Amino acid sequence: MKSAVERQLGIIGEAVNKIRKLDPAHPIPEADRIVQFRNRLIHSYDTIDDTFVWPILQKHLPALKNAIRQARKR
């Protein structure tokens, strides 16, 4: 489960990074932090603390999902 969650967060981070490069004006809240976390997941996975990942899932992921939905309506 942990591996799957971290993999999906890595994919989200990569997608946000690509969107930023293709359309720098695209409003993604906390894009820099998302990409930084992705880089940490991918390159420094041994330093990831589960107590840090859980709040991302609970608080930040729903907010990101909502922001993406709003952006798609434009």
PDB file of N, CA and C in Angstrom:
ATOM      1  N   MET A   1       0.837  -1.178   0.000  1.00  0.00           N
ATOM      2  CA  MET A   1       0.000   0.000   0.000  1.00  0.00           C
ATOM      3  C   MET A   1       0.887   1.248   0.000  1.00  0.00           C
ATOM      4  N   LYS A   2       1.877   1.262   0.873  1.00  0.00           N
ATOM      5  CA  LYS A   2       2.775   2.409   0.960  1.00  0.00           C
ATOM      6  C   LYS A   2       3.457   2.666  -0.380  1.00  0.00           C
ATOM      7  N   SER A   3       3.946   1.632  -0.990  1.00  0.00           N
ATOM      8  CA  SER A   3       4.628   1.764  -2.276  1.00  0.00           C
ATOM      9  C   SER A   3       3.683   2.319  -3.340  1.00  0.00           C
ATOM     10  N   ALA A   4       2.459   1.833  -3.353  1.00  0.00           N
ATOM     11  CA  ALA A   4       1.479   2.291  -4.340  1.00  0.00           C
ATOM     12  C   ALA A   4       1.144   3.766  -4.142  1.00  0.00           C
ATOM     13  N   VAL A   5       0.951   4.166  -2.905  1.00  0.00           N
ATOM     14  CA  VAL A   5       0.649   5.570  -2.609  1.00  0.00           C
ATOM     15  C   VAL A   5       1.808   6.459  -3.034  1.00  0.00           C
ATOM     16  N   GLU A   6       3.022   6.075  -2.673  1.00  0.00           N
ATOM     17  CA  GLU A   6       4.185   6.877  -3.031  1.00  0.00           C
ATOM     18  C   GLU A   6       4.361   6.930  -4.547  1.00  0.00           C
ATOM     19  N   ARG A   7       4.082   5.836  -5.219  1.00  0.00           N
ATOM     20  CA  ARG A   7       4.180   5.819  -6.685  1.00  0.00           C
ATOM     21  C   ARG A   7       3.188   6.804  -7.303  1.00  0.00           C
ATOM     22  N   GLN A   8       1.963   6.794  -6.809  1.00  0.00           N
ATOM     23  CA  GLN A   8       0.943   7.701  -7.341  1.00  0.00           C
ATOM     24  C   GLN A   8       1.283   9.162  -7.051  1.00  0.00           C
ATOM     25  N   LEU A   9       1.827   9.440  -5.881  1.00  0.00           N
ATOM     26  CA  LEU A   9       2.252  10.812  -5.579  1.00  0.00           C
ATOM     27  C   LEU A   9       3.396  11.235  -6.492  1.00  0.00           C
ATOM     28  N   GLY A  10       4.275  10.308  -6.817  1.00  0.00           N
ATOM     29  CA  GLY A  10       5.349  10.602  -7.763  1.00  0.00           C
ATOM     30  C   GLY A  10       4.806  10.922  -9.144  1.00  0.00           C
ATOM     31  N   ILE A  11       3.801  10.192  -9.570  1.00  0.00           N
ATOM     32  CA  ILE A  11       3.176  10.440 -10.868  1.00  0.00           C
ATOM     33  C   ILE A  11       2.496  11.808 -10.877  1.00  0.00           C
ATOM     34  N   ILE A  12       1.810  12.136  -9.807  1.00  0.00           N
ATOM     35  CA  ILE A  12       1.174  13.449  -9.705  1.00  0.00           C
ATOM     36  C   ILE A  12       2.225  14.552  -9.793  1.00  0.00           C
ATOM     37  N   GLY A  13       3.317  14.379  -9.069  1.00  0.00           N
ATOM     38  CA  GLY A  13       4.393  15.377  -9.103  1.00  0.00           C
ATOM     39  C   GLY A  13       4.979  15.540 -10.492  1.00  0.00           C
ATOM     40  N   GLU A  14       5.142  14.451 -11.200  1.00  0.00           N
ATOM     41  CA  GLU A  14       5.678  14.509 -12.569  1.00  0.00           C
ATOM     42  C   GLU A  14       4.688  15.214 -13.487  1.00  0.00           C
ATOM     43  N   ALA A  15       3.402  14.932 -13.334  1.00  0.00           N
ATOM     44  CA  ALA A  15       2.382  15.581 -14.155  1.00  0.00           C
ATOM     45  C   ALA A  15       2.355  17.092 -13.901  1.00  0.00           C
ATOM     46  N   VAL A  16       2.428  17.485 -12.645  1.00  0.00           N
ATOM     47  CA  VAL A  16       2.450  18.911 -12.311  1.00  0.00           C
ATOM     48  C   VAL A  16       3.676  19.575 -12.928  1.00  0.00           C
ATOM     49  N   ASN A  17       4.804  18.912 -12.867  1.00  0.00           N
ATOM     50  CA  ASN A  17       6.033  19.459 -13.452  1.00  0.00           C
ATOM     51  C   ASN A  17       5.877  19.654 -14.964  1.00  0.00           C
ATOM     52  N   LYS A  18       5.284  18.687 -15.636  1.00  0.00           N
ATOM     53  CA  LYS A  18       5.083  18.800 -17.086  1.00  0.00           C
ATOM     54  C   LYS A  18       4.105  19.913 -17.428  1.00  0.00           C
ATOM     55  N   ILE A  19       3.043  20.046 -16.653  1.00  0.00           N
ATOM     56  CA  ILE A  19       2.082  21.124 -16.884  1.00  0.00           C
ATOM     57  C   ILE A  19       2.767  22.474 -16.722  1.00  0.00           C
ATOM     58  N   ARG A  20       3.584  22.616 -15.687  1.00  0.00           N
ATOM     59  CA  ARG A  20       4.310  23.883 -15.478  1.00  0.00           C
ATOM     60  C   ARG A  20       5.185  24.222 -16.664  1.00  0.00           C
ATOM     61  N   LYS A  21       5.833  23.218 -17.245  1.00  0.00           N
ATOM     62  CA  LYS A  21       6.717  23.464 -18.382  1.00  0.00           C
ATOM     63  C   LYS A  21       5.935  23.800 -19.645  1.00  0.00           C
ATOM     64  N   LEU A  22       4.819  23.127 -19.859  1.00  0.00           N
ATOM     65  CA  LEU A  22       4.013  23.372 -21.053  1.00  0.00           C
ATOM     66  C   LEU A  22       3.235  24.681 -20.979  1.00  0.00           C
ATOM     67  N   ASP A  23       2.752  25.009 -19.788  1.00  0.00           N
ATOM     68  CA  ASP A  23       1.936  26.205 -19.606  1.00  0.00           C
ATOM     69  C   ASP A  23       2.292  26.851 -18.270  1.00  0.00           C
ATOM     70  N   PRO A  24       3.364  27.651 -18.246  1.00  0.00           N
ATOM     71  CA  PRO A  24       3.813  28.256 -16.980  1.00  0.00           C
ATOM     72  C   PRO A  24       2.758  29.124 -16.295  1.00  0.00           C
ATOM     73  N   ALA A  25       1.793  29.612 -17.048  1.00  0.00           N
ATOM     74  CA  ALA A  25       0.750  30.458 -16.462  1.00  0.00           C
ATOM     75  C   ALA A  25      -0.377  29.643 -15.831  1.00  0.00           C
ATOM     76  N   HIS A  26      -0.359  28.325 -16.023  1.00  0.00           N
ATOM     77  CA  HIS A  26      -1.411  27.465 -15.473  1.00  0.00           C
ATOM     78  C   HIS A  26      -1.362  27.510 -13.947  1.00  0.00           C
ATOM     79  N   PRO A  27      -2.464  27.872 -13.327  1.00  0.00           N
ATOM     80  CA  PRO A  27      -2.457  28.043 -11.866  1.00  0.00           C
ATOM     81  C   PRO A  27      -2.602  26.732 -11.096  1.00  0.00           C
ATOM     82  N   ILE A  28      -1.506  26.181 -10.677  1.00  0.00           N
ATOM     83  CA  ILE A  28      -1.541  24.992  -9.824  1.00  0.00           C
ATOM     84  C   ILE A  28      -1.004  25.412  -8.460  1.00  0.00           C
ATOM     85  N   PRO A  29      -1.869  25.394  -7.457  1.00  0.00           N
ATOM     86  CA  PRO A  29      -1.416  25.801  -6.119  1.00  0.00           C
ATOM     87  C   PRO A  29      -0.298  24.884  -5.610  1.00  0.00           C
ATOM     88  N   GLU A  30       0.700  25.494  -5.033  1.00  0.00           N
ATOM     89  CA  GLU A  30       1.810  24.748  -4.417  1.00  0.00           C
ATOM     90  C   GLU A  30       2.579  23.890  -5.413  1.00  0.00           C
ATOM     91  N   ALA A  31       2.607  24.288  -6.679  1.00  0.00           N
ATOM     92  CA  ALA A  31       3.279  23.480  -7.710  1.00  0.00           C
ATOM     93  C   ALA A  31       4.739  23.218  -7.360  1.00  0.00           C
ATOM     94  N   ASP A  32       5.438  24.232  -6.881  1.00  0.00           N
ATOM     95  CA  ASP A  32       6.855  24.039  -6.529  1.00  0.00           C
ATOM     96  C   ASP A  32       7.016  22.981  -5.447  1.00  0.00           C
ATOM     97  N   ARG A  33       6.178  23.042  -4.433  1.00  0.00           N
ATOM     98  CA  ARG A  33       6.275  22.073  -3.332  1.00  0.00           C
ATOM     99  C   ARG A  33       5.917  20.667  -3.785  1.00  0.00           C
ATOM    100  N   ILE A  34       4.938  20.562  -4.680  1.00  0.00           N
ATOM    101  CA  ILE A  34       4.540  19.254  -5.198  1.00  0.00           C
ATOM    102  C   ILE A  34       5.696  18.615  -5.951  1.00  0.00           C
ATOM    103  N   VAL A  35       6.345  19.393  -6.806  1.00  0.00           N
ATOM    104  CA  VAL A  35       7.460  18.876  -7.597  1.00  0.00           C
ATOM    105  C   VAL A  35       8.654  18.554  -6.682  1.00  0.00           C
ATOM    106  N   GLN A  36       8.898  19.385  -5.698  1.00  0.00           N
ATOM    107  CA  GLN A  36       9.992  19.109  -4.757  1.00  0.00           C
ATOM    108  C   GLN A  36       9.736  17.804  -3.996  1.00  0.00           C
ATOM    109  N   PHE A  37       8.493  17.596  -3.582  1.00  0.00           N
ATOM    110  CA  PHE A  37       8.163  16.354  -2.881  1.00  0.00           C
ATOM    111  C   PHE A  37       8.326  15.154  -3.801  1.00  0.00           C
ATOM    112  N   ARG A  38       7.915  15.303  -5.054  1.00  0.00           N
ATOM    113  CA  ARG A  38       8.099  14.233  -6.036  1.00  0.00           C
ATOM    114  C   ARG A  38       9.575  13.886  -6.171  1.00  0.00           C
ATOM    115  N   ASN A  39      10.406  14.904  -6.275  1.00  0.00           N
ATOM    116  CA  ASN A  39      11.842  14.668  -6.402  1.00  0.00           C
ATOM    117  C   ASN A  39      12.400  13.947  -5.179  1.00  0.00           C
ATOM    118  N   ARG A  40      11.913  14.323  -4.032  1.00  0.00           N
ATOM    119  CA  ARG A  40      12.363  13.655  -2.804  1.00  0.00           C
ATOM    120  C   ARG A  40      11.896  12.200  -2.785  1.00  0.00           C
ATOM    121  N   LEU A  41      10.653  11.957  -3.182  1.00  0.00           N
ATOM    122  CA  LEU A  41      10.133  10.589  -3.242  1.00  0.00           C
ATOM    123  C   LEU A  41      10.966   9.718  -4.174  1.00  0.00           C
ATOM    124  N   ILE A  42      11.313  10.266  -5.325  1.00  0.00           N
ATOM    125  CA  ILE A  42      12.007   9.494  -6.343  1.00  0.00           C
ATOM    126  C   ILE A  42      13.490   9.325  -6.037  1.00  0.00           C
ATOM    127  N   HIS A  43      14.125  10.394  -5.568  1.00  0.00           N
ATOM    128  CA  HIS A  43      15.576  10.371  -5.419  1.00  0.00           C
ATOM    129  C   HIS A  43      16.069  10.140  -3.992  1.00  0.00           C
ATOM    130  N   SER A  44      15.240  10.448  -3.016  1.00  0.00           N
ATOM    131  CA  SER A  44      15.652  10.271  -1.611  1.00  0.00           C
ATOM    132  C   SER A  44      14.583   9.514  -0.843  1.00  0.00           C
ATOM    133  N   TYR A  45      14.079   8.465  -1.461  1.00  0.00           N
ATOM    134  CA  TYR A  45      12.963   7.710  -0.889  1.00  0.00           C
ATOM    135  C   TYR A  45      13.246   7.188   0.511  1.00  0.00           C
ATOM    136  N   ASP A  46      14.501   6.983   0.821  1.00  0.00           N
ATOM    137  CA  ASP A  46      14.839   6.441   2.141  1.00  0.00           C
ATOM    138  C   ASP A  46      14.678   7.467   3.258  1.00  0.00           C
ATOM    139  N   THR A  47      14.429   8.723   2.904  1.00  0.00           N
ATOM    140  CA  THR A  47      14.251   9.767   3.926  1.00  0.00           C
ATOM    141  C   THR A  47      12.775  10.112   4.125  1.00  0.00           C
ATOM    142  N   ILE A  48      11.881   9.442   3.420  1.00  0.00           N
ATOM    143  CA  ILE A  48      10.453   9.747   3.514  1.00  0.00           C
ATOM    144  C   ILE A  48       9.880   9.159   4.801  1.00  0.00           C
ATOM    145  N   ASP A  49       9.193  10.011   5.551  1.00  0.00           N
ATOM    146  CA  ASP A  49       8.567   9.618   6.808  1.00  0.00           C
ATOM    147  C   ASP A  49       7.065   9.475   6.567  1.00  0.00           C
ATOM    148  N   ASP A  50       6.510   8.340   6.934  1.00  0.00           N
ATOM    149  CA  ASP A  50       5.084   8.097   6.724  1.00  0.00           C
ATOM    150  C   ASP A  50       4.206   9.152   7.387  1.00  0.00           C
ATOM    151  N   THR A  51       4.655   9.698   8.507  1.00  0.00           N
ATOM    152  CA  THR A  51       3.855  10.712   9.195  1.00  0.00           C
ATOM    153  C   THR A  51       3.829  12.022   8.405  1.00  0.00           C
ATOM    154  N   PHE A  52       4.719  12.156   7.440  1.00  0.00           N
ATOM    155  CA  PHE A  52       4.726  13.316   6.556  1.00  0.00           C
ATOM    156  C   PHE A  52       3.806  13.081   5.361  1.00  0.00           C
ATOM    157  N   VAL A  53       3.710  11.853   4.895  1.00  0.00           N
ATOM    158  CA  VAL A  53       2.906  11.519   3.715  1.00  0.00           C
ATOM    159  C   VAL A  53       1.417  11.568   4.047  1.00  0.00           C
ATOM    160  N   TRP A  54       1.021  11.081   5.195  1.00  0.00           N
ATOM    161  CA  TRP A  54      -0.394  11.003   5.542  1.00  0.00           C
ATOM    162  C   TRP A  54      -1.107  12.358   5.478  1.00  0.00           C
ATOM    163  N   PRO A  55      -0.560  13.429   6.045  1.00  0.00           N
ATOM    164  CA  PRO A  55      -1.237  14.732   5.920  1.00  0.00           C
ATOM    165  C   PRO A  55      -1.364  15.205   4.471  1.00  0.00           C
ATOM    166  N   ILE A  56      -0.424  14.826   3.627  1.00  0.00           N
ATOM    167  CA  ILE A  56      -0.533  15.181   2.211  1.00  0.00           C
ATOM    168  C   ILE A  56      -1.780  14.538   1.626  1.00  0.00           C
ATOM    169  N   LEU A  57      -1.983  13.274   1.944  1.00  0.00           N
ATOM    170  CA  LEU A  57      -3.160  12.565   1.434  1.00  0.00           C
ATOM    171  C   LEU A  57      -4.448  13.158   1.987  1.00  0.00           C
ATOM    172  N   GLN A  58      -4.450  13.504   3.245  1.00  0.00           N
ATOM    173  CA  GLN A  58      -5.658  13.980   3.905  1.00  0.00           C
ATOM    174  C   GLN A  58      -6.007  15.428   3.582  1.00  0.00           C
ATOM    175  N   LYS A  59      -5.011  16.290   3.524  1.00  0.00           N
ATOM    176  CA  LYS A  59      -5.269  17.724   3.400  1.00  0.00           C
ATOM    177  C   LYS A  59      -4.960  18.263   2.004  1.00  0.00           C
ATOM    178  N   HIS A  60      -3.790  17.986   1.512  1.00  0.00           N
ATOM    179  CA  HIS A  60      -3.319  18.643   0.297  1.00  0.00           C
ATOM    180  C   HIS A  60      -3.810  17.980  -0.991  1.00  0.00           C
ATOM    181  N   LEU A  61      -3.940  16.687  -1.009  1.00  0.00           N
ATOM    182  CA  LEU A  61      -4.391  16.007  -2.220  1.00  0.00           C
ATOM    183  C   LEU A  61      -5.825  16.400  -2.596  1.00  0.00           C
ATOM    184  N   PRO A  62      -6.770  16.441  -1.661  1.00  0.00           N
ATOM    185  CA  PRO A  62      -8.113  16.896  -2.036  1.00  0.00           C
ATOM    186  C   PRO A  62      -8.129  18.338  -2.554  1.00  0.00           C
ATOM    187  N   ALA A  63      -7.322  19.203  -1.974  1.00  0.00           N
ATOM    188  CA  ALA A  63      -7.253  20.599  -2.443  1.00  0.00           C
ATOM    189  C   ALA A  63      -6.690  20.668  -3.858  1.00  0.00           C
ATOM    190  N   LEU A  64      -5.680  19.864  -4.140  1.00  0.00           N
ATOM    191  CA  LEU A  64      -5.109  19.823  -5.488  1.00  0.00           C
ATOM    192  C   LEU A  64      -6.138  19.290  -6.483  1.00  0.00           C
ATOM    193  N   LYS A  65      -6.831  18.249  -6.105  1.00  0.00           N
ATOM    194  CA  LYS A  65      -7.855  17.666  -6.969  1.00  0.00           C
ATOM    195  C   LYS A  65      -8.927  18.704  -7.309  1.00  0.00           C
ATOM    196  N   ASN A  66      -9.344  19.451  -6.321  1.00  0.00           N
ATOM    197  CA  ASN A  66     -10.343  20.494  -6.524  1.00  0.00           C
ATOM    198  C   ASN A  66      -9.806  21.596  -7.446  1.00  0.00           C
ATOM    199  N   ALA A  67      -8.574  21.999  -7.258  1.00  0.00           N
ATOM    200  CA  ALA A  67      -7.968  23.042  -8.098  1.00  0.00           C
ATOM    201  C   ALA A  67      -7.868  22.589  -9.548  1.00  0.00           C
ATOM    202  N   ILE A  68      -7.529  21.328  -9.769  1.00  0.00           N
ATOM    203  CA  ILE A  68      -7.434  20.796 -11.128  1.00  0.00           C
ATOM    204  C   ILE A  68      -8.829  20.755 -11.765  1.00  0.00           C
ATOM    205  N   ARG A  69      -9.819  20.345 -11.004  1.00  0.00           N
ATOM    206  CA  ARG A  69     -11.189  20.334 -11.543  1.00  0.00           C
ATOM    207  C   ARG A  69     -11.628  21.737 -11.952  1.00  0.00           C
ATOM    208  N   GLN A  70     -11.328  22.716 -11.115  1.00  0.00           N
ATOM    209  CA  GLN A  70     -11.697  24.103 -11.434  1.00  0.00           C
ATOM    210  C   GLN A  70     -10.971  24.585 -12.677  1.00  0.00           C
ATOM    211  N   ALA A  71      -9.705  24.246 -12.805  1.00  0.00           N
ATOM    212  CA  ALA A  71      -8.921  24.678 -13.965  1.00  0.00           C
ATOM    213  C   ALA A  71      -9.453  24.047 -15.246  1.00  0.00           C
ATOM    214  N   ARG A  72      -9.913  22.841 -15.170  1.00  0.00           N
ATOM    215  CA  ARG A  72     -10.435  22.139 -16.358  1.00  0.00           C
ATOM    216  C   ARG A  72     -11.739  22.764 -16.832  1.00  0.00           C
ATOM    217  N   LYS A  73     -12.467  23.443 -15.957  1.00  0.00           N
ATOM    218  CA  LYS A  73     -13.730  24.078 -16.337  1.00  0.00           C
ATOM    219  C   LYS A  73     -13.501  25.361 -17.131  1.00  0.00           C
ATOM    220  N   ARG A  74     -12.313  25.916 -17.056  1.00  0.00           N
ATOM    221  CA  ARG A  74     -12.026  27.193 -17.742  1.00  0.00           C
ATOM    222  C   ARG A  74     -11.847  27.012 -19.202  1.00  0.00           C
TER     223      ARG A  74
END
